[in-house]
Amino acid sequence: MSDPDDSDRMAKLEERLARLRGKDAKKPHQEEHYSQAQHAWRMVIELVAGLMIGFGMGYGLDLLLGTLPIFLVIFTLLGLAAGIKTMMRSAEEMQKRAETPDTGADEREKDGD
């Protein structure tokens, strides 16, 4: 029915396929790309949210008090400053997280002592 030679070839082919699939399973570059995109969107949303909250508060106060758009301008600028401050805090947090050593490095240092 089937030659023993064919079964050996099939076994070798299956081993080779398993090794190749194992290599493809790890895609750190692609995962890192999505992670960076998520961080970028987070920072953009923080900036826009600060601007919109400041704009809304200023517009509301101007509408309530019947003043010129002075509060709109002031609170929009304050919202921009708050958004930038929040963005910078997030960037600092991400940088600290990136600079911390991996757990594998910690385990190697413990073995050396």
PDB file of N, CA and C in Angstrom:
ATOM      1  N   MET A   1       0.810  -1.164   0.000  1.00  0.00           N
ATOM      2  CA  MET A   1       0.000   0.000   0.000  1.00  0.00           C
ATOM      3  C   MET A   1       0.872   1.254   0.000  1.00  0.00           C
ATOM      4  N   SER A   2       1.503   1.565   1.142  1.00  0.00           N
ATOM      5  CA  SER A   2       2.424   2.703   1.148  1.00  0.00           C
ATOM      6  C   SER A   2       3.805   2.185   1.502  1.00  0.00           C
ATOM      7  N   ASP A   3       4.768   2.737   0.830  1.00  0.00           N
ATOM      8  CA  ASP A   3       6.145   2.312   1.057  1.00  0.00           C
ATOM      9  C   ASP A   3       6.641   2.855   2.398  1.00  0.00           C
ATOM     10  N   PRO A   4       7.550   2.122   3.046  1.00  0.00           N
ATOM     11  CA  PRO A   4       8.129   2.647   4.288  1.00  0.00           C
ATOM     12  C   PRO A   4       8.922   3.925   4.005  1.00  0.00           C
ATOM     13  N   ASP A   5       9.406   4.034   2.794  1.00  0.00           N
ATOM     14  CA  ASP A   5      10.144   5.225   2.396  1.00  0.00           C
ATOM     15  C   ASP A   5       9.231   6.455   2.424  1.00  0.00           C
ATOM     16  N   ASP A   6       7.972   6.286   2.001  1.00  0.00           N
ATOM     17  CA  ASP A   6       7.003   7.388   2.012  1.00  0.00           C
ATOM     18  C   ASP A   6       6.668   7.817   3.432  1.00  0.00           C
ATOM     19  N   SER A   7       6.532   6.867   4.340  1.00  0.00           N
ATOM     20  CA  SER A   7       6.185   7.223   5.713  1.00  0.00           C
ATOM     21  C   SER A   7       7.324   8.000   6.379  1.00  0.00           C
ATOM     22  N   ASP A   8       8.570   7.648   6.050  1.00  0.00           N
ATOM     23  CA  ASP A   8       9.713   8.395   6.585  1.00  0.00           C
ATOM     24  C   ASP A   8       9.723   9.821   6.029  1.00  0.00           C
ATOM     25  N   ARG A   9       9.462   9.935   4.739  1.00  0.00           N
ATOM     26  CA  ARG A   9       9.427  11.259   4.120  1.00  0.00           C
ATOM     27  C   ARG A   9       8.315  12.109   4.722  1.00  0.00           C
ATOM     28  N   MET A  10       7.156  11.481   4.971  1.00  0.00           N
ATOM     29  CA  MET A  10       6.037  12.212   5.563  1.00  0.00           C
ATOM     30  C   MET A  10       6.371  12.678   6.985  1.00  0.00           C
ATOM     31  N   ALA A  11       7.039  11.813   7.758  1.00  0.00           N
ATOM     32  CA  ALA A  11       7.417  12.173   9.127  1.00  0.00           C
ATOM     33  C   ALA A  11       8.394  13.347   9.111  1.00  0.00           C
ATOM     34  N   LYS A  12       9.370  13.310   8.203  1.00  0.00           N
ATOM     35  CA  LYS A  12      10.341  14.406   8.092  1.00  0.00           C
ATOM     36  C   LYS A  12       9.656  15.698   7.656  1.00  0.00           C
ATOM     37  N   LEU A  13       8.706  15.573   6.734  1.00  0.00           N
ATOM     38  CA  LEU A  13       7.972  16.752   6.272  1.00  0.00           C
ATOM     39  C   LEU A  13       7.147  17.353   7.407  1.00  0.00           C
ATOM     40  N   GLU A  14       6.503  16.506   8.208  1.00  0.00           N
ATOM     41  CA  GLU A  14       5.714  16.998   9.335  1.00  0.00           C
ATOM     42  C   GLU A  14       6.592  17.688  10.373  1.00  0.00           C
ATOM     43  N   GLU A  15       7.783  17.152  10.624  1.00  0.00           N
ATOM     44  CA  GLU A  15       8.720  17.788  11.560  1.00  0.00           C
ATOM     45  C   GLU A  15       9.147  19.159  11.042  1.00  0.00           C
ATOM     46  N   ARG A  16       9.449  19.200   9.762  1.00  0.00           N
ATOM     47  CA  ARG A  16       9.877  20.460   9.156  1.00  0.00           C
ATOM     48  C   ARG A  16       8.759  21.504   9.209  1.00  0.00           C
ATOM     49  N   LEU A  17       7.541  21.095   8.913  1.00  0.00           N
ATOM     50  CA  LEU A  17       6.402  22.004   8.989  1.00  0.00           C
ATOM     51  C   LEU A  17       6.179  22.504  10.418  1.00  0.00           C
ATOM     52  N   ALA A  18       6.337  21.616  11.396  1.00  0.00           N
ATOM     53  CA  ALA A  18       6.151  22.011  12.795  1.00  0.00           C
ATOM     54  C   ALA A  18       7.196  23.043  13.200  1.00  0.00           C
ATOM     55  N   ARG A  19       8.443  22.849  12.755  1.00  0.00           N
ATOM     56  CA  ARG A  19       9.492  23.835  13.072  1.00  0.00           C
ATOM     57  C   ARG A  19       9.196  25.179  12.428  1.00  0.00           C
ATOM     58  N   LEU A  20       8.773  25.159  11.167  1.00  0.00           N
ATOM     59  CA  LEU A  20       8.470  26.411  10.479  1.00  0.00           C
ATOM     60  C   LEU A  20       7.272  27.121  11.096  1.00  0.00           C
ATOM     61  N   ARG A  21       6.282  26.375  11.497  1.00  0.00           N
ATOM     62  CA  ARG A  21       5.118  26.987  12.157  1.00  0.00           C
ATOM     63  C   ARG A  21       5.520  27.575  13.495  1.00  0.00           C
ATOM     64  N   GLY A  22       6.429  26.943  14.187  1.00  0.00           N
ATOM     65  CA  GLY A  22       6.918  27.455  15.475  1.00  0.00           C
ATOM     66  C   GLY A  22       7.639  28.773  15.299  1.00  0.00           C
ATOM     67  N   LYS A  23       8.385  28.929  14.214  1.00  0.00           N
ATOM     68  CA  LYS A  23       9.085  30.182  13.961  1.00  0.00           C
ATOM     69  C   LYS A  23       8.111  31.293  13.620  1.00  0.00           C
ATOM     70  N   ASP A  24       7.063  30.975  12.889  1.00  0.00           N
ATOM     71  CA  ASP A  24       6.075  31.978  12.491  1.00  0.00           C
ATOM     72  C   ASP A  24       5.194  32.405  13.652  1.00  0.00           C
ATOM     73  N   ALA A  25       5.103  31.579  14.682  1.00  0.00           N
ATOM     74  CA  ALA A  25       4.230  31.903  15.808  1.00  0.00           C
ATOM     75  C   ALA A  25       4.717  33.141  16.557  1.00  0.00           C
ATOM     76  N   LYS A  26       6.024  33.384  16.533  1.00  0.00           N
ATOM     77  CA  LYS A  26       6.586  34.537  17.231  1.00  0.00           C
ATOM     78  C   LYS A  26       6.737  35.692  16.253  1.00  0.00           C
ATOM     79  N   LYS A  27       5.993  36.770  16.505  1.00  0.00           N
ATOM     80  CA  LYS A  27       6.095  37.959  15.670  1.00  0.00           C
ATOM     81  C   LYS A  27       6.216  39.188  16.568  1.00  0.00           C
ATOM     82  N   PRO A  28       7.353  39.337  17.253  1.00  0.00           N
ATOM     83  CA  PRO A  28       7.466  40.459  18.185  1.00  0.00           C
ATOM     84  C   PRO A  28       7.442  41.815  17.491  1.00  0.00           C
ATOM     85  N   HIS A  29       7.965  41.901  16.267  1.00  0.00           N
ATOM     86  CA  HIS A  29       7.984  43.188  15.574  1.00  0.00           C
ATOM     87  C   HIS A  29       6.566  43.654  15.279  1.00  0.00           C
ATOM     88  N   GLN A  30       5.735  42.750  14.834  1.00  0.00           N
ATOM     89  CA  GLN A  30       4.366  43.121  14.510  1.00  0.00           C
ATOM     90  C   GLN A  30       3.596  43.485  15.777  1.00  0.00           C
ATOM     91  N   GLU A  31       3.782  42.736  16.856  1.00  0.00           N
ATOM     92  CA  GLU A  31       3.122  43.055  18.116  1.00  0.00           C
ATOM     93  C   GLU A  31       3.602  44.400  18.633  1.00  0.00           C
ATOM     94  N   GLU A  32       4.897  44.685  18.493  1.00  0.00           N
ATOM     95  CA  GLU A  32       5.446  45.959  18.938  1.00  0.00           C
ATOM     96  C   GLU A  32       4.854  47.098  18.128  1.00  0.00           C
ATOM     97  N   HIS A  33       4.648  46.881  16.840  1.00  0.00           N
ATOM     98  CA  HIS A  33       4.071  47.912  15.981  1.00  0.00           C
ATOM     99  C   HIS A  33       2.671  48.276  16.461  1.00  0.00           C
ATOM    100  N   TYR A  34       1.855  47.273  16.753  1.00  0.00           N
ATOM    101  CA  TYR A  34       0.509  47.558  17.224  1.00  0.00           C
ATOM    102  C   TYR A  34       0.550  48.233  18.584  1.00  0.00           C
ATOM    103  N   SER A  35       1.476  47.842  19.423  1.00  0.00           N
ATOM    104  CA  SER A  35       1.599  48.453  20.738  1.00  0.00           C
ATOM    105  C   SER A  35       1.956  49.927  20.610  1.00  0.00           C
ATOM    106  N   GLN A  36       2.872  50.258  19.721  1.00  0.00           N
ATOM    107  CA  GLN A  36       3.258  51.649  19.516  1.00  0.00           C
ATOM    108  C   GLN A  36       2.097  52.460  18.951  1.00  0.00           C
ATOM    109  N   ALA A  37       1.331  51.862  18.063  1.00  0.00           N
ATOM    110  CA  ALA A  37       0.172  52.560  17.505  1.00  0.00           C
ATOM    111  C   ALA A  37      -0.866  52.829  18.593  1.00  0.00           C
ATOM    112  N   GLN A  38      -1.044  51.891  19.491  1.00  0.00           N
ATOM    113  CA  GLN A  38      -1.987  52.094  20.585  1.00  0.00           C
ATOM    114  C   GLN A  38      -1.540  53.235  21.484  1.00  0.00           C
ATOM    115  N   HIS A  39      -0.243  53.301  21.756  1.00  0.00           N
ATOM    116  CA  HIS A  39       0.283  54.394  22.579  1.00  0.00           C
ATOM    117  C   HIS A  39       0.102  55.739  21.885  1.00  0.00           C
ATOM    118  N   ALA A  40       0.329  55.769  20.590  1.00  0.00           N
ATOM    119  CA  ALA A  40       0.177  57.012  19.844  1.00  0.00           C
ATOM    120  C   ALA A  40      -1.278  57.475  19.865  1.00  0.00           C
ATOM    121  N   TRP A  41      -2.208  56.561  19.655  1.00  0.00           N
ATOM    122  CA  TRP A  41      -3.621  56.929  19.699  1.00  0.00           C
ATOM    123  C   TRP A  41      -4.027  57.395  21.083  1.00  0.00           C
ATOM    124  N   ARG A  42      -3.490  56.764  22.090  1.00  0.00           N
ATOM    125  CA  ARG A  42      -3.795  57.169  23.472  1.00  0.00           C
ATOM    126  C   ARG A  42      -3.374  58.615  23.697  1.00  0.00           C
ATOM    127  N   MET A  43      -2.191  58.957  23.218  1.00  0.00           N
ATOM    128  CA  MET A  43      -1.691  60.315  23.420  1.00  0.00           C
ATOM    129  C   MET A  43      -2.516  61.334  22.632  1.00  0.00           C
ATOM    130  N   VAL A  44      -2.913  60.995  21.426  1.00  0.00           N
ATOM    131  CA  VAL A  44      -3.736  61.898  20.620  1.00  0.00           C
ATOM    132  C   VAL A  44      -5.086  62.110  21.295  1.00  0.00           C
ATOM    133  N   ILE A  45      -5.682  61.042  21.797  1.00  0.00           N
ATOM    134  CA  ILE A  45      -6.982  61.142  22.457  1.00  0.00           C
ATOM    135  C   ILE A  45      -6.882  61.996  23.719  1.00  0.00           C
ATOM    136  N   GLU A  46      -5.782  61.860  24.461  1.00  0.00           N
ATOM    137  CA  GLU A  46      -5.605  62.676  25.654  1.00  0.00           C
ATOM    138  C   GLU A  46      -5.533  64.157  25.302  1.00  0.00           C
ATOM    139  N   LEU A  47      -4.835  64.483  24.232  1.00  0.00           N
ATOM    140  CA  LEU A  47      -4.721  65.879  23.817  1.00  0.00           C
ATOM    141  C   LEU A  47      -6.074  66.421  23.363  1.00  0.00           C
ATOM    142  N   VAL A  48      -6.772  65.680  22.533  1.00  0.00           N
ATOM    143  CA  VAL A  48      -8.067  66.130  22.016  1.00  0.00           C
ATOM    144  C   VAL A  48      -9.089  66.229  23.145  1.00  0.00           C
ATOM    145  N   ALA A  49      -9.050  65.301  24.080  1.00  0.00           N
ATOM    146  CA  ALA A  49      -9.996  65.343  25.202  1.00  0.00           C
ATOM    147  C   ALA A  49      -9.764  66.598  26.042  1.00  0.00           C
ATOM    148  N   GLY A  50      -8.514  66.937  26.296  1.00  0.00           N
ATOM    149  CA  GLY A  50      -8.222  68.157  27.048  1.00  0.00           C
ATOM    150  C   GLY A  50      -8.737  69.388  26.329  1.00  0.00           C
ATOM    151  N   LEU A  51      -8.521  69.440  25.019  1.00  0.00           N
ATOM    152  CA  LEU A  51      -9.012  70.571  24.234  1.00  0.00           C
ATOM    153  C   LEU A  51     -10.538  70.656  24.271  1.00  0.00           C
ATOM    154  N   MET A  52     -11.206  69.544  24.091  1.00  0.00           N
ATOM    155  CA  MET A  52     -12.672  69.551  24.036  1.00  0.00           C
ATOM    156  C   MET A  52     -13.286  69.898  25.392  1.00  0.00           C
ATOM    157  N   ILE A  53     -12.703  69.411  26.460  1.00  0.00           N
ATOM    158  CA  ILE A  53     -13.227  69.739  27.792  1.00  0.00           C
ATOM    159  C   ILE A  53     -13.052  71.229  28.060  1.00  0.00           C
ATOM    160  N   GLY A  54     -11.879  71.765  27.743  1.00  0.00           N
ATOM    161  CA  GLY A  54     -11.651  73.201  27.923  1.00  0.00           C
ATOM    162  C   GLY A  54     -12.582  74.031  27.058  1.00  0.00           C
ATOM    163  N   PHE A  55     -12.763  73.621  25.817  1.00  0.00           N
ATOM    164  CA  PHE A  55     -13.658  74.327  24.909  1.00  0.00           C
ATOM    165  C   PHE A  55     -15.082  74.310  25.446  1.00  0.00           C
ATOM    166  N   GLY A  56     -15.535  73.152  25.894  1.00  0.00           N
ATOM    167  CA  GLY A  56     -16.894  73.023  26.422  1.00  0.00           C
ATOM    168  C   GLY A  56     -17.115  73.868  27.665  1.00  0.00           C
ATOM    169  N   MET A  57     -16.154  73.861  28.572  1.00  0.00           N
ATOM    170  CA  MET A  57     -16.289  74.662  29.782  1.00  0.00           C
ATOM    171  C   MET A  57     -16.306  76.149  29.448  1.00  0.00           C
ATOM    172  N   GLY A  58     -15.420  76.588  28.566  1.00  0.00           N
ATOM    173  CA  GLY A  58     -15.368  77.995  28.185  1.00  0.00           C
ATOM    174  C   GLY A  58     -16.634  78.440  27.475  1.00  0.00           C
ATOM    175  N   TYR A  59     -17.112  77.637  26.559  1.00  0.00           N
ATOM    176  CA  TYR A  59     -18.338  77.965  25.828  1.00  0.00           C
ATOM    177  C   TYR A  59     -19.530  78.024  26.777  1.00  0.00           C
ATOM    178  N   GLY A  60     -19.579  77.083  27.710  1.00  0.00           N
ATOM    179  CA  GLY A  60     -20.672  77.064  28.684  1.00  0.00           C
ATOM    180  C   GLY A  60     -20.667  78.295  29.571  1.00  0.00           C
ATOM    181  N   LEU A  61     -19.487  78.660  30.031  1.00  0.00           N
ATOM    182  CA  LEU A  61     -19.402  79.862  30.870  1.00  0.00           C
ATOM    183  C   LEU A  61     -19.768  81.114  30.079  1.00  0.00           C
ATOM    184  N   ASP A  62     -19.294  81.208  28.845  1.00  0.00           N
ATOM    185  CA  ASP A  62     -19.645  82.365  28.016  1.00  0.00           C
ATOM    186  C   ASP A  62     -21.145  82.419  27.769  1.00  0.00           C
ATOM    187  N   LEU A  63     -21.744  81.299  27.532  1.00  0.00           N
ATOM    188  CA  LEU A  63     -23.188  81.250  27.294  1.00  0.00           C
ATOM    189  C   LEU A  63     -23.957  81.629  28.558  1.00  0.00           C
ATOM    190  N   LEU A  64     -23.485  81.129  29.691  1.00  0.00           N
ATOM    191  CA  LEU A  64     -24.137  81.376  30.970  1.00  0.00           C
ATOM    192  C   LEU A  64     -24.032  82.840  31.386  1.00  0.00           C
ATOM    193  N   LEU A  65     -22.830  83.411  31.230  1.00  0.00           N
ATOM    194  CA  LEU A  65     -22.583  84.774  31.691  1.00  0.00           C
ATOM    195  C   LEU A  65     -22.847  85.823  30.618  1.00  0.00           C
ATOM    196  N   GLY A  66     -23.023  85.407  29.388  1.00  0.00           N
ATOM    197  CA  GLY A  66     -23.273  86.339  28.299  1.00  0.00           C
ATOM    198  C   GLY A  66     -22.076  87.212  27.970  1.00  0.00           C
ATOM    199  N   THR A  67     -20.899  86.706  28.197  1.00  0.00           N
ATOM    200  CA  THR A  67     -19.687  87.484  27.935  1.00  0.00           C
ATOM    201  C   THR A  67     -19.189  87.238  26.521  1.00  0.00           C
ATOM    202  N   LEU A  68     -18.202  88.016  26.143  1.00  0.00           N
ATOM    203  CA  LEU A  68     -17.511  87.778  24.879  1.00  0.00           C
ATOM    204  C   LEU A  68     -16.831  86.412  24.971  1.00  0.00           C
ATOM    205  N   PRO A  69     -16.327  85.898  23.902  1.00  0.00           N
ATOM    206  CA  PRO A  69     -15.736  84.549  23.988  1.00  0.00           C
ATOM    207  C   PRO A  69     -14.400  84.518  24.729  1.00  0.00           C
ATOM    208  N   ILE A  70     -14.296  85.305  25.779  1.00  0.00           N
ATOM    209  CA  ILE A  70     -13.052  85.338  26.548  1.00  0.00           C
ATOM    210  C   ILE A  70     -12.829  84.029  27.302  1.00  0.00           C
ATOM    211  N   PHE A  71     -13.893  83.492  27.921  1.00  0.00           N
ATOM    212  CA  PHE A  71     -13.748  82.235  28.654  1.00  0.00           C
ATOM    213  C   PHE A  71     -13.490  81.075  27.694  1.00  0.00           C
ATOM    214  N   LEU A  72     -14.066  81.148  26.520  1.00  0.00           N
ATOM    215  CA  LEU A  72     -13.837  80.119  25.504  1.00  0.00           C
ATOM    216  C   LEU A  72     -12.356  80.047  25.153  1.00  0.00           C
ATOM    217  N   VAL A  73     -11.742  81.181  24.927  1.00  0.00           N
ATOM    218  CA  VAL A  73     -10.321  81.233  24.571  1.00  0.00           C
ATOM    219  C   VAL A  73      -9.461  80.784  25.745  1.00  0.00           C
ATOM    220  N   ILE A  74      -9.764  81.306  26.932  1.00  0.00           N
ATOM    221  CA  ILE A  74      -8.957  80.978  28.115  1.00  0.00           C
ATOM    222  C   ILE A  74      -9.027  79.490  28.429  1.00  0.00           C
ATOM    223  N   PHE A  75     -10.242  78.933  28.464  1.00  0.00           N
ATOM    224  CA  PHE A  75     -10.381  77.526  28.837  1.00  0.00           C
ATOM    225  C   PHE A  75      -9.906  76.580  27.734  1.00  0.00           C
ATOM    226  N   THR A  76      -9.981  77.016  26.486  1.00  0.00           N
ATOM    227  CA  THR A  76      -9.432  76.190  25.416  1.00  0.00           C
ATOM    228  C   THR A  76      -7.912  76.103  25.551  1.00  0.00           C
ATOM    229  N   LEU A  77      -7.279  77.227  25.868  1.00  0.00           N
ATOM    230  CA  LEU A  77      -5.828  77.210  26.078  1.00  0.00           C
ATOM    231  C   LEU A  77      -5.459  76.393  27.314  1.00  0.00           C
ATOM    232  N   LEU A  78      -6.258  76.514  28.373  1.00  0.00           N
ATOM    233  CA  LEU A  78      -6.008  75.700  29.568  1.00  0.00           C
ATOM    234  C   LEU A  78      -6.197  74.203  29.264  1.00  0.00           C
ATOM    235  N   GLY A  79      -7.191  73.877  28.451  1.00  0.00           N
ATOM    236  CA  GLY A  79      -7.411  72.490  28.051  1.00  0.00           C
ATOM    237  C   GLY A  79      -6.259  71.956  27.218  1.00  0.00           C
ATOM    238  N   LEU A  80      -5.721  72.815  26.337  1.00  0.00           N
ATOM    239  CA  LEU A  80      -4.553  72.423  25.552  1.00  0.00           C
ATOM    240  C   LEU A  80      -3.364  72.143  26.459  1.00  0.00           C
ATOM    241  N   ALA A  81      -3.144  73.028  27.432  1.00  0.00           N
ATOM    242  CA  ALA A  81      -2.029  72.832  28.368  1.00  0.00           C
ATOM    243  C   ALA A  81      -2.216  71.546  29.180  1.00  0.00           C
ATOM    244  N   ALA A  82      -3.440  71.299  29.628  1.00  0.00           N
ATOM    245  CA  ALA A  82      -3.711  70.082  30.395  1.00  0.00           C
ATOM    246  C   ALA A  82      -3.512  68.839  29.528  1.00  0.00           C
ATOM    247  N   GLY A  83      -3.949  68.904  28.272  1.00  0.00           N
ATOM    248  CA  GLY A  83      -3.772  67.767  27.362  1.00  0.00           C
ATOM    249  C   GLY A  83      -2.303  67.479  27.099  1.00  0.00           C
ATOM    250  N   ILE A  84      -1.523  68.529  26.902  1.00  0.00           N
ATOM    251  CA  ILE A  84      -0.085  68.347  26.663  1.00  0.00           C
ATOM    252  C   ILE A  84       0.586  67.776  27.905  1.00  0.00           C
ATOM    253  N   LYS A  85       0.202  68.278  29.078  1.00  0.00           N
ATOM    254  CA  LYS A  85       0.786  67.772  30.322  1.00  0.00           C
ATOM    255  C   LYS A  85       0.466  66.280  30.499  1.00  0.00           C
ATOM    256  N   THR A  86      -0.772  65.895  30.206  1.00  0.00           N
ATOM    257  CA  THR A  86      -1.166  64.492  30.314  1.00  0.00           C
ATOM    258  C   THR A  86      -0.422  63.641  29.298  1.00  0.00           C
ATOM    259  N   MET A  87      -0.252  64.168  28.076  1.00  0.00           N
ATOM    260  CA  MET A  87       0.509  63.446  27.046  1.00  0.00           C
ATOM    261  C   MET A  87       1.946  63.224  27.483  1.00  0.00           C
ATOM    262  N   MET A  88       2.557  64.252  28.037  1.00  0.00           N
ATOM    263  CA  MET A  88       3.950  64.138  28.480  1.00  0.00           C
ATOM    264  C   MET A  88       4.080  63.140  29.627  1.00  0.00           C
ATOM    265  N   ARG A  89       3.113  63.134  30.520  1.00  0.00           N
ATOM    266  CA  ARG A  89       3.129  62.171  31.621  1.00  0.00           C
ATOM    267  C   ARG A  89       3.011  60.744  31.092  1.00  0.00           C
ATOM    268  N   SER A  90       2.160  60.544  30.087  1.00  0.00           N
ATOM    269  CA  SER A  90       2.009  59.218  29.487  1.00  0.00           C
ATOM    270  C   SER A  90       3.291  58.789  28.774  1.00  0.00           C
ATOM    271  N   ALA A  91       3.921  59.730  28.067  1.00  0.00           N
ATOM    272  CA  ALA A  91       5.168  59.411  27.369  1.00  0.00           C
ATOM    273  C   ALA A  91       6.264  59.047  28.367  1.00  0.00           C
ATOM    274  N   GLU A  92       6.312  59.755  29.480  1.00  0.00           N
ATOM    275  CA  GLU A  92       7.307  59.453  30.515  1.00  0.00           C
ATOM    276  C   GLU A  92       7.057  58.069  31.111  1.00  0.00           C
ATOM    277  N   GLU A  93       5.798  57.744  31.336  1.00  0.00           N
ATOM    278  CA  GLU A  93       5.432  56.429  31.864  1.00  0.00           C
ATOM    279  C   GLU A  93       5.839  55.321  30.901  1.00  0.00           C
ATOM    280  N   MET A  94       5.591  55.528  29.597  1.00  0.00           N
ATOM    281  CA  MET A  94       5.967  54.533  28.593  1.00  0.00           C
ATOM    282  C   MET A  94       7.482  54.375  28.501  1.00  0.00           C
ATOM    283  N   GLN A  95       8.189  55.486  28.623  1.00  0.00           N
ATOM    284  CA  GLN A  95       9.644  55.424  28.557  1.00  0.00           C
ATOM    285  C   GLN A  95      10.204  54.668  29.759  1.00  0.00           C
ATOM    286  N   LYS A  96       9.659  54.911  30.948  1.00  0.00           N
ATOM    287  CA  LYS A  96      10.122  54.186  32.136  1.00  0.00           C
ATOM    288  C   LYS A  96       9.847  52.695  32.001  1.00  0.00           C
ATOM    289  N   ARG A  97       8.679  52.370  31.447  1.00  0.00           N
ATOM    290  CA  ARG A  97       8.326  50.969  31.250  1.00  0.00           C
ATOM    291  C   ARG A  97       9.268  50.297  30.253  1.00  0.00           C
ATOM    292  N   ALA A  98       9.695  51.051  29.225  1.00  0.00           N
ATOM    293  CA  ALA A  98      10.593  50.497  28.216  1.00  0.00           C
ATOM    294  C   ALA A  98      12.006  50.331  28.759  1.00  0.00           C
ATOM    295  N   GLU A  99      12.388  51.168  29.709  1.00  0.00           N
ATOM    296  CA  GLU A  99      13.752  51.114  30.252  1.00  0.00           C
ATOM    297  C   GLU A  99      13.928  50.071  31.333  1.00  0.00           C
ATOM    298  N   THR A 100      12.840  49.589  31.932  1.00  0.00           N
ATOM    299  CA  THR A 100      12.971  48.592  32.979  1.00  0.00           C
ATOM    300  C   THR A 100      13.470  47.288  32.377  1.00  0.00           C
ATOM    301  N   PRO A 101      14.408  46.625  33.060  1.00  0.00           N
ATOM    302  CA  PRO A 101      14.948  45.371  32.520  1.00  0.00           C
ATOM    303  C   PRO A 101      13.899  44.269  32.552  1.00  0.00           C
ATOM    304  N   ASP A 102      14.057  43.333  31.629  1.00  0.00           N
ATOM    305  CA  ASP A 102      13.147  42.192  31.564  1.00  0.00           C
ATOM    306  C   ASP A 102      13.350  41.293  32.771  1.00  0.00           C
ATOM    307  N   THR A 103      12.367  40.450  33.059  1.00  0.00           N
ATOM    308  CA  THR A 103      12.481  39.531  34.190  1.00  0.00           C
ATOM    309  C   THR A 103      13.562  38.494  33.939  1.00  0.00           C
ATOM    310  N   GLY A 104      13.808  38.168  32.690  1.00  0.00           N
ATOM    311  CA  GLY A 104      14.861  37.202  32.376  1.00  0.00           C
ATOM    312  C   GLY A 104      16.226  37.719  32.782  1.00  0.00           C
ATOM    313  N   ALA A 105      16.469  38.993  32.624  1.00  0.00           N
ATOM    314  CA  ALA A 105      17.741  39.586  33.013  1.00  0.00           C
ATOM    315  C   ALA A 105      17.882  39.551  34.531  1.00  0.00           C
ATOM    316  N   ASP A 106      16.800  39.777  35.271  1.00  0.00           N
ATOM    317  CA  ASP A 106      16.846  39.736  36.727  1.00  0.00           C
ATOM    318  C   ASP A 106      17.197  38.338  37.212  1.00  0.00           C
ATOM    319  N   GLU A 107      16.633  37.326  36.563  1.00  0.00           N
ATOM    320  CA  GLU A 107      16.915  35.957  36.961  1.00  0.00           C
ATOM    321  C   GLU A 107      18.369  35.598  36.700  1.00  0.00           C
ATOM    322  N   ARG A 108      18.936  36.102  35.597  1.00  0.00           N
ATOM    323  CA  ARG A 108      20.345  35.837  35.300  1.00  0.00           C
ATOM    324  C   ARG A 108      21.255  36.475  36.336  1.00  0.00           C
ATOM    325  N   GLU A 109      20.898  37.678  36.798  1.00  0.00           N
ATOM    326  CA  GLU A 109      21.721  38.361  37.808  1.00  0.00           C
ATOM    327  C   GLU A 109      21.671  37.598  39.121  1.00  0.00           C
ATOM    328  N   LYS A 110      20.504  37.051  39.487  1.00  0.00           N
ATOM    329  CA  LYS A 110      20.385  36.304  40.736  1.00  0.00           C
ATOM    330  C   LYS A 110      21.221  35.031  40.679  1.00  0.00           C
ATOM    331  N   ASP A 111      21.281  34.391  39.512  1.00  0.00           N
ATOM    332  CA  ASP A 111      22.069  33.164  39.382  1.00  0.00           C
ATOM    333  C   ASP A 111      23.544  33.465  39.519  1.00  0.00           C
ATOM    334  N   GLY A 112      23.988  34.648  39.109  1.00  0.00           N
ATOM    335  CA  GLY A 112      25.400  35.017  39.153  1.00  0.00           C
ATOM    336  C   GLY A 112      25.885  35.302  40.564  1.00  0.00           C
ATOM    337  N   ASP A 113      24.980  35.678  41.491  1.00  0.00           N
ATOM    338  CA  ASP A 113      25.386  36.022  42.865  1.00  0.00           C
ATOM    339  C   ASP A 113      25.645  34.819  43.706  1.00  0.00           C
TER     340      ASP A 113
END
